[in-house]
Each structure stands twice: as structure tokens, then as C-alpha cells.
PDB file of N, CA and C in Angstrom:
ATOM      1  N   UNK A   1       6.639  34.452 -37.201  1.00  0.00           N
ATOM      2  CA  UNK A   1       6.549  33.084 -36.764  1.00  0.00           C
ATOM      3  C   UNK A   1       7.748  32.801 -35.854  1.00  0.00           C
ATOM      4  N   UNK A   2       7.453  32.308 -34.665  1.00  0.00           N
ATOM      5  CA  UNK A   2       8.512  31.980 -33.717  1.00  0.00           C
ATOM      6  C   UNK A   2       9.120  30.629 -34.070  1.00  0.00           C
ATOM      7  N   UNK A   3      10.418  30.599 -33.966  1.00  0.00           N
ATOM      8  CA  UNK A   3      11.108  29.352 -34.267  1.00  0.00           C
ATOM      9  C   UNK A   3      11.559  28.711 -32.960  1.00  0.00           C
ATOM     10  N   UNK A   4      11.291  27.414 -32.831  1.00  0.00           N
ATOM     11  CA  UNK A   4      11.730  26.684 -31.647  1.00  0.00           C
ATOM     12  C   UNK A   4      13.158  26.228 -31.815  1.00  0.00           C
ATOM     13  N   UNK A   5      13.785  25.964 -30.713  1.00  0.00           N
ATOM     14  CA  UNK A   5      15.155  25.473 -30.759  1.00  0.00           C
ATOM     15  C   UNK A   5      15.143  24.023 -31.211  1.00  0.00           C
ATOM     16  N   UNK A   6      15.942  23.690 -32.167  1.00  0.00           N
ATOM     17  CA  UNK A   6      16.008  22.326 -32.673  1.00  0.00           C
ATOM     18  C   UNK A   6      16.850  21.499 -31.710  1.00  0.00           C
ATOM     19  N   UNK A   7      16.295  20.391 -31.272  1.00  0.00           N
ATOM     20  CA  UNK A   7      17.000  19.538 -30.318  1.00  0.00           C
ATOM     21  C   UNK A   7      17.908  18.568 -31.057  1.00  0.00           C
ATOM     22  N   UNK A   8      19.059  18.382 -30.504  1.00  0.00           N
ATOM     23  CA  UNK A   8      19.990  17.435 -31.112  1.00  0.00           C
ATOM     24  C   UNK A   8      19.670  16.030 -30.612  1.00  0.00           C
ATOM     25  N   UNK A   9      20.145  15.046 -31.328  1.00  0.00           N
ATOM     26  CA  UNK A   9      19.952  13.651 -30.945  1.00  0.00           C
ATOM     27  C   UNK A   9      20.558  13.402 -29.567  1.00  0.00           C
ATOM     28  N   UNK A  10      21.697  14.021 -29.292  1.00  0.00           N
ATOM     29  CA  UNK A  10      22.372  13.830 -28.008  1.00  0.00           C
ATOM     30  C   UNK A  10      21.531  14.381 -26.851  1.00  0.00           C
ATOM     31  N   UNK A  11      20.939  15.560 -27.068  1.00  0.00           N
ATOM     32  CA  UNK A  11      20.138  16.143 -25.991  1.00  0.00           C
ATOM     33  C   UNK A  11      18.865  15.327 -25.746  1.00  0.00           C
ATOM     34  N   UNK A  12      18.291  14.795 -26.798  1.00  0.00           N
ATOM     35  CA  UNK A  12      17.109  13.934 -26.645  1.00  0.00           C
ATOM     36  C   UNK A  12      17.485  12.661 -25.899  1.00  0.00           C
ATOM     37  N   UNK A  13      18.609  12.057 -26.276  1.00  0.00           N
ATOM     38  CA  UNK A  13      19.068  10.842 -25.596  1.00  0.00           C
ATOM     39  C   UNK A  13      19.341  11.116 -24.120  1.00  0.00           C
ATOM     40  N   UNK A  14      19.913  12.268 -23.821  1.00  0.00           N
ATOM     41  CA  UNK A  14      20.189  12.638 -22.427  1.00  0.00           C
ATOM     42  C   UNK A  14      18.882  12.805 -21.638  1.00  0.00           C
ATOM     43  N   UNK A  15      17.898  13.418 -22.265  1.00  0.00           N
ATOM     44  CA  UNK A  15      16.596  13.573 -21.606  1.00  0.00           C
ATOM     45  C   UNK A  15      15.931  12.211 -21.377  1.00  0.00           C
ATOM     46  N   UNK A  16      16.060  11.324 -22.335  1.00  0.00           N
ATOM     47  CA  UNK A  16      15.506   9.971 -22.179  1.00  0.00           C
ATOM     48  C   UNK A  16      16.190   9.268 -21.013  1.00  0.00           C
ATOM     49  N   UNK A  17      17.507   9.383 -20.938  1.00  0.00           N
ATOM     50  CA  UNK A  17      18.268   8.759 -19.862  1.00  0.00           C
ATOM     51  C   UNK A  17      17.835   9.305 -18.502  1.00  0.00           C
ATOM     52  N   UNK A  18      17.693  10.631 -18.392  1.00  0.00           N
ATOM     53  CA  UNK A  18      17.265  11.257 -17.142  1.00  0.00           C
ATOM     54  C   UNK A  18      15.850  10.809 -16.758  1.00  0.00           C
ATOM     55  N   UNK A  19      14.977  10.719 -17.745  1.00  0.00           N
ATOM     56  CA  UNK A  19      13.595  10.324 -17.469  1.00  0.00           C
ATOM     57  C   UNK A  19      13.526   8.875 -16.998  1.00  0.00           C
ATOM     58  N   UNK A  20      14.346   8.016 -17.591  1.00  0.00           N
ATOM     59  CA  UNK A  20      14.392   6.620 -17.149  1.00  0.00           C
ATOM     60  C   UNK A  20      14.867   6.520 -15.702  1.00  0.00           C
ATOM     61  N   UNK A  21      15.872   7.312 -15.339  1.00  0.00           N
ATOM     62  CA  UNK A  21      16.354   7.322 -13.961  1.00  0.00           C
ATOM     63  C   UNK A  21      15.266   7.808 -13.006  1.00  0.00           C
ATOM     64  N   UNK A  22      14.566   8.864 -13.415  1.00  0.00           N
ATOM     65  CA  UNK A  22      13.483   9.396 -12.584  1.00  0.00           C
ATOM     66  C   UNK A  22      12.381   8.354 -12.408  1.00  0.00           C
ATOM     67  N   UNK A  23      12.060   7.648 -13.465  1.00  0.00           N
ATOM     68  CA  UNK A  23      11.043   6.610 -13.402  1.00  0.00           C
ATOM     69  C   UNK A  23      11.467   5.478 -12.466  1.00  0.00           C
ATOM     70  N   UNK A  24      12.718   5.098 -12.518  1.00  0.00           N
ATOM     71  CA  UNK A  24      13.236   4.045 -11.645  1.00  0.00           C
ATOM     72  C   UNK A  24      13.159   4.474 -10.177  1.00  0.00           C
ATOM     73  N   UNK A  25      13.513   5.727  -9.898  1.00  0.00           N
ATOM     74  CA  UNK A  25      13.411   6.243  -8.530  1.00  0.00           C
ATOM     75  C   UNK A  25      11.961   6.228  -8.059  1.00  0.00           C
ATOM     76  N   UNK A  26      11.059   6.632  -8.940  1.00  0.00           N
ATOM     77  CA  UNK A  26       9.635   6.640  -8.601  1.00  0.00           C
ATOM     78  C   UNK A  26       9.137   5.229  -8.317  1.00  0.00           C
ATOM     79  N   UNK A  27       9.599   4.290  -9.118  1.00  0.00           N
ATOM     80  CA  UNK A  27       9.198   2.897  -8.942  1.00  0.00           C
ATOM     81  C   UNK A  27       9.701   2.372  -7.599  1.00  0.00           C
ATOM     82  N   UNK A  28      10.954   2.656  -7.260  1.00  0.00           N
ATOM     83  CA  UNK A  28      11.513   2.217  -5.979  1.00  0.00           C
ATOM     84  C   UNK A  28      10.744   2.832  -4.817  1.00  0.00           C
ATOM     85  N   UNK A  29      10.425   4.119  -4.927  1.00  0.00           N
ATOM     86  CA  UNK A  29       9.666   4.803  -3.877  1.00  0.00           C
ATOM     87  C   UNK A  29       8.270   4.194  -3.748  1.00  0.00           C
ATOM     88  N   UNK A  30       7.637   3.892  -4.882  1.00  0.00           N
ATOM     89  CA  UNK A  30       6.315   3.265  -4.890  1.00  0.00           C
ATOM     90  C   UNK A  30       6.357   1.912  -4.187  1.00  0.00           C
ATOM     91  N   UNK A  31       7.346   1.100  -4.519  1.00  0.00           N
ATOM     92  CA  UNK A  31       7.467  -0.222  -3.911  1.00  0.00           C
ATOM     93  C   UNK A  31       7.685  -0.115  -2.397  1.00  0.00           C
ATOM     94  N   UNK A  32       8.504   0.823  -1.963  1.00  0.00           N
ATOM     95  CA  UNK A  32       8.748   1.020  -0.531  1.00  0.00           C
ATOM     96  C   UNK A  32       7.467   1.470   0.165  1.00  0.00           C
ATOM     97  N   UNK A  33       6.734   2.381  -0.450  1.00  0.00           N
ATOM     98  CA  UNK A  33       5.471   2.842   0.131  1.00  0.00           C
ATOM     99  C   UNK A  33       4.444   1.716   0.192  1.00  0.00           C
ATOM    100  N   UNK A  34       4.439   0.877  -0.839  1.00  0.00           N
ATOM    101  CA  UNK A  34       3.502  -0.243  -0.883  1.00  0.00           C
ATOM    102  C   UNK A  34       3.800  -1.235   0.244  1.00  0.00           C
ATOM    103  N   UNK A  35       5.081  -1.513   0.478  1.00  0.00           N
ATOM    104  CA  UNK A  35       5.474  -2.415   1.567  1.00  0.00           C
ATOM    105  C   UNK A  35       5.115  -1.827   2.925  1.00  0.00           C
ATOM    106  N   UNK A  36       5.320  -0.531   3.083  1.00  0.00           N
ATOM    107  CA  UNK A  36       4.977   0.130   4.346  1.00  0.00           C
ATOM    108  C   UNK A  36       3.476   0.040   4.593  1.00  0.00           C
ATOM    109  N   UNK A  37       2.672   0.281   3.568  1.00  0.00           N
ATOM    110  CA  UNK A  37       1.221   0.185   3.689  1.00  0.00           C
ATOM    111  C   UNK A  37       0.801  -1.229   4.064  1.00  0.00           C
ATOM    112  N   UNK A  38       1.387  -2.226   3.428  1.00  0.00           N
ATOM    113  CA  UNK A  38       1.050  -3.619   3.737  1.00  0.00           C
ATOM    114  C   UNK A  38       1.389  -3.943   5.194  1.00  0.00           C
ATOM    115  N   UNK A  39       2.513  -3.444   5.670  1.00  0.00           N
ATOM    116  CA  UNK A  39       2.895  -3.670   7.063  1.00  0.00           C
ATOM    117  C   UNK A  39       1.922  -3.020   8.034  1.00  0.00           C
ATOM    118  N   UNK A  40       1.489  -1.806   7.713  1.00  0.00           N
ATOM    119  CA  UNK A  40       0.530  -1.120   8.569  1.00  0.00           C
ATOM    120  C   UNK A  40      -0.821  -1.824   8.591  1.00  0.00           C
ATOM    121  N   UNK A  41      -1.258  -2.306   7.442  1.00  0.00           N
ATOM    122  CA  UNK A  41      -2.525  -3.045   7.375  1.00  0.00           C
ATOM    123  C   UNK A  41      -2.422  -4.331   8.185  1.00  0.00           C
ATOM    124  N   UNK A  42      -1.294  -5.024   8.082  1.00  0.00           N
ATOM    125  CA  UNK A  42      -1.086  -6.253   8.843  1.00  0.00           C
ATOM    126  C   UNK A  42      -1.121  -5.960  10.344  1.00  0.00           C
ATOM    127  N   UNK A  43      -0.474  -4.893  10.760  1.00  0.00           N
ATOM    128  CA  UNK A  43      -0.462  -4.507  12.167  1.00  0.00           C
ATOM    129  C   UNK A  43      -1.871  -4.180  12.653  1.00  0.00           C
ATOM    130  N   UNK A  44      -2.622  -3.430  11.850  1.00  0.00           N
ATOM    131  CA  UNK A  44      -4.007  -3.108  12.207  1.00  0.00           C
ATOM    132  C   UNK A  44      -4.841  -4.368  12.373  1.00  0.00           C
ATOM    133  N   UNK A  45      -4.698  -5.305  11.446  1.00  0.00           N
ATOM    134  CA  UNK A  45      -5.468  -6.546  11.516  1.00  0.00           C
ATOM    135  C   UNK A  45      -5.103  -7.363  12.746  1.00  0.00           C
ATOM    136  N   UNK A  46      -3.828  -7.386  13.106  1.00  0.00           N
ATOM    137  CA  UNK A  46      -3.395  -8.102  14.304  1.00  0.00           C
ATOM    138  C   UNK A  46      -3.989  -7.468  15.559  1.00  0.00           C
ATOM    139  N   UNK A  47      -3.982  -6.136  15.603  1.00  0.00           N
ATOM    140  CA  UNK A  47      -4.561  -5.442  16.755  1.00  0.00           C
ATOM    141  C   UNK A  47      -6.057  -5.695  16.854  1.00  0.00           C
ATOM    142  N   UNK A  48      -6.737  -5.695  15.723  1.00  0.00           N
ATOM    143  CA  UNK A  48      -8.173  -5.971  15.721  1.00  0.00           C
ATOM    144  C   UNK A  48      -8.450  -7.406  16.176  1.00  0.00           C
ATOM    145  N   UNK A  49      -7.637  -8.336  15.715  1.00  0.00           N
ATOM    146  CA  UNK A  49      -7.808  -9.741  16.130  1.00  0.00           C
ATOM    147  C   UNK A  49      -7.615  -9.881  17.632  1.00  0.00           C
ATOM    148  N   UNK A  50      -6.591  -9.227  18.164  1.00  0.00           N
ATOM    149  CA  UNK A  50      -6.355  -9.284  19.608  1.00  0.00           C
ATOM    150  C   UNK A  50      -7.514  -8.672  20.382  1.00  0.00           C
ATOM    151  N   UNK A  51      -8.056  -7.584  19.871  1.00  0.00           N
ATOM    152  CA  UNK A  51      -9.188  -6.928  20.523  1.00  0.00           C
ATOM    153  C   UNK A  51     -10.412  -7.852  20.537  1.00  0.00           C
ATOM    154  N   UNK A  52     -10.638  -8.554  19.446  1.00  0.00           N
ATOM    155  CA  UNK A  52     -11.767  -9.499  19.378  1.00  0.00           C
ATOM    156  C   UNK A  52     -11.573 -10.634  20.369  1.00  0.00           C
ATOM    157  N   UNK A  53     -10.368 -11.184  20.420  1.00  0.00           N
ATOM    158  CA  UNK A  53     -10.090 -12.285  21.343  1.00  0.00           C
ATOM    159  C   UNK A  53     -10.301 -11.829  22.794  1.00  0.00           C
ATOM    160  N   UNK A  54      -9.828 -10.634  23.128  1.00  0.00           N
ATOM    161  CA  UNK A  54     -10.019 -10.108  24.478  1.00  0.00           C
ATOM    162  C   UNK A  54     -11.500  -9.912  24.795  1.00  0.00           C
ATOM    163  N   UNK A  55     -12.260  -9.400  23.835  1.00  0.00           N
ATOM    164  CA  UNK A  55     -13.696  -9.205  24.035  1.00  0.00           C
ATOM    165  C   UNK A  55     -14.398 -10.545  24.232  1.00  0.00           C
ATOM    166  N   UNK A  56     -13.997 -11.551  23.471  1.00  0.00           N
ATOM    167  CA  UNK A  56     -14.594 -12.881  23.609  1.00  0.00           C
ATOM    168  C   UNK A  56     -14.285 -13.473  24.979  1.00  0.00           C
ATOM    169  N   UNK A  57     -13.063 -13.270  25.457  1.00  0.00           N
ATOM    170  CA  UNK A  57     -12.673 -13.803  26.760  1.00  0.00           C
ATOM    171  C   UNK A  57     -13.482 -13.157  27.879  1.00  0.00           C
ATOM    172  N   UNK A  58     -13.848 -11.906  27.735  1.00  0.00           N
ATOM    173  CA  UNK A  58     -14.611 -11.190  28.755  1.00  0.00           C
ATOM    174  C   UNK A  58     -16.118 -11.414  28.624  1.00  0.00           C
ATOM    175  N   UNK A  59     -16.554 -11.944  27.509  1.00  0.00           N
ATOM    176  CA  UNK A  59     -17.976 -12.107  27.232  1.00  0.00           C
ATOM    177  C   UNK A  59     -18.567 -13.274  28.004  1.00  0.00           C
ATOM    178  N   UNK A  60     -19.848 -13.144  28.329  1.00  0.00           N
ATOM    179  CA  UNK A  60     -20.554 -14.256  28.979  1.00  0.00           C
ATOM    180  C   UNK A  60     -21.334 -15.096  27.961  1.00  0.00           C
ATOM    181  N   UNK A  61     -21.134 -14.797  26.686  1.00  0.00           N
ATOM    182  CA  UNK A  61     -21.810 -15.550  25.616  1.00  0.00           C
ATOM    183  C   UNK A  61     -21.106 -16.878  25.371  1.00  0.00           C
ATOM    184  N   UNK A  62     -21.876 -17.856  24.932  1.00  0.00           N
ATOM    185  CA  UNK A  62     -21.291 -19.157  24.614  1.00  0.00           C
ATOM    186  C   UNK A  62     -20.676 -19.110  23.217  1.00  0.00           C
ATOM    187  N   UNK A  63     -19.869 -20.097  22.946  1.00  0.00           N
ATOM    188  CA  UNK A  63     -19.246 -20.218  21.638  1.00  0.00           C
ATOM    189  C   UNK A  63     -20.316 -20.257  20.547  1.00  0.00           C
ATOM    190  N   UNK A  64     -21.342 -21.041  20.767  1.00  0.00           N
ATOM    191  CA  UNK A  64     -22.410 -21.182  19.774  1.00  0.00           C
ATOM    192  C   UNK A  64     -23.128 -19.850  19.539  1.00  0.00           C
ATOM    193  N   UNK A  65     -23.368 -19.090  20.606  1.00  0.00           N
ATOM    194  CA  UNK A  65     -24.023 -17.792  20.452  1.00  0.00           C
ATOM    195  C   UNK A  65     -23.158 -16.830  19.639  1.00  0.00           C
ATOM    196  N   UNK A  66     -21.890 -16.859  19.907  1.00  0.00           N
ATOM    197  CA  UNK A  66     -20.972 -15.963  19.185  1.00  0.00           C
ATOM    198  C   UNK A  66     -20.909 -16.335  17.708  1.00  0.00           C
ATOM    199  N   UNK A  67     -20.760 -17.621  17.418  1.00  0.00           N
ATOM    200  CA  UNK A  67     -20.694 -18.075  16.022  1.00  0.00           C
ATOM    201  C   UNK A  67     -21.995 -17.762  15.293  1.00  0.00           C
ATOM    202  N   UNK A  68     -23.115 -17.989  15.946  1.00  0.00           N
ATOM    203  CA  UNK A  68     -24.424 -17.675  15.335  1.00  0.00           C
ATOM    204  C   UNK A  68     -24.525 -16.189  15.031  1.00  0.00           C
ATOM    205  N   UNK A  69     -24.095 -15.352  15.953  1.00  0.00           N
ATOM    206  CA  UNK A  69     -24.124 -13.915  15.747  1.00  0.00           C
ATOM    207  C   UNK A  69     -23.236 -13.509  14.575  1.00  0.00           C
ATOM    208  N   UNK A  70     -22.017 -14.018  14.545  1.00  0.00           N
ATOM    209  CA  UNK A  70     -21.068 -13.648  13.482  1.00  0.00           C
ATOM    210  C   UNK A  70     -21.577 -14.103  12.115  1.00  0.00           C
ATOM    211  N   UNK A  71     -22.139 -15.293  12.071  1.00  0.00           N
ATOM    212  CA  UNK A  71     -22.632 -15.815  10.797  1.00  0.00           C
ATOM    213  C   UNK A  71     -23.973 -15.220  10.395  1.00  0.00           C
ATOM    214  N   UNK A  72     -24.589 -14.457  11.291  1.00  0.00           N
ATOM    215  CA  UNK A  72     -25.837 -13.774  10.972  1.00  0.00           C
ATOM    216  C   UNK A  72     -27.036 -14.686  10.865  1.00  0.00           C
ATOM    217  N   UNK A  73     -27.018 -15.768  11.613  1.00  0.00           N
ATOM    218  CA  UNK A  73     -28.154 -16.714  11.556  1.00  0.00           C
ATOM    219  C   UNK A  73     -29.221 -16.338  12.544  1.00  0.00           C
TER     220      UNK A  73
END
């Protein structure tokens, strides 16, 4: 029968401390990535809005025709 090494209270506490630090780093990285994603989505939406406005300005359709089309009536 193989015997495992018995862990001391100090070594367990040290591992807990290290794991908490690792978790905090992961959380900070997650939050930074989440903010970056939100910024990219916002930028994409702004570009899409500008593209729609430009297309509307070039269109020969009336306001009513465009609204009817968008609303699917």
C-alpha cells in the first residue's frame, strides 16, 4: 500500500493563499477582457449606425418607405 505525504496545516494554508491570489488575478483579467469586449461591441455598433445613416442619405426612398420597410409592414 502506497502512503501519501501528509500535508501540514501550514502547507495547506500556503496553497489556499496562492490559490486565492491566482483567483484574484483571473478575476482581474476577466474584468479587463469583459471591458475590452464591451468597447469593441460599442465600436461595431457605432460603425453600423454610421453605415446605415450613409445608406439612408444616398437612398431615393422616402422616410415613410424606410420606416415601413424596417417595421416590416
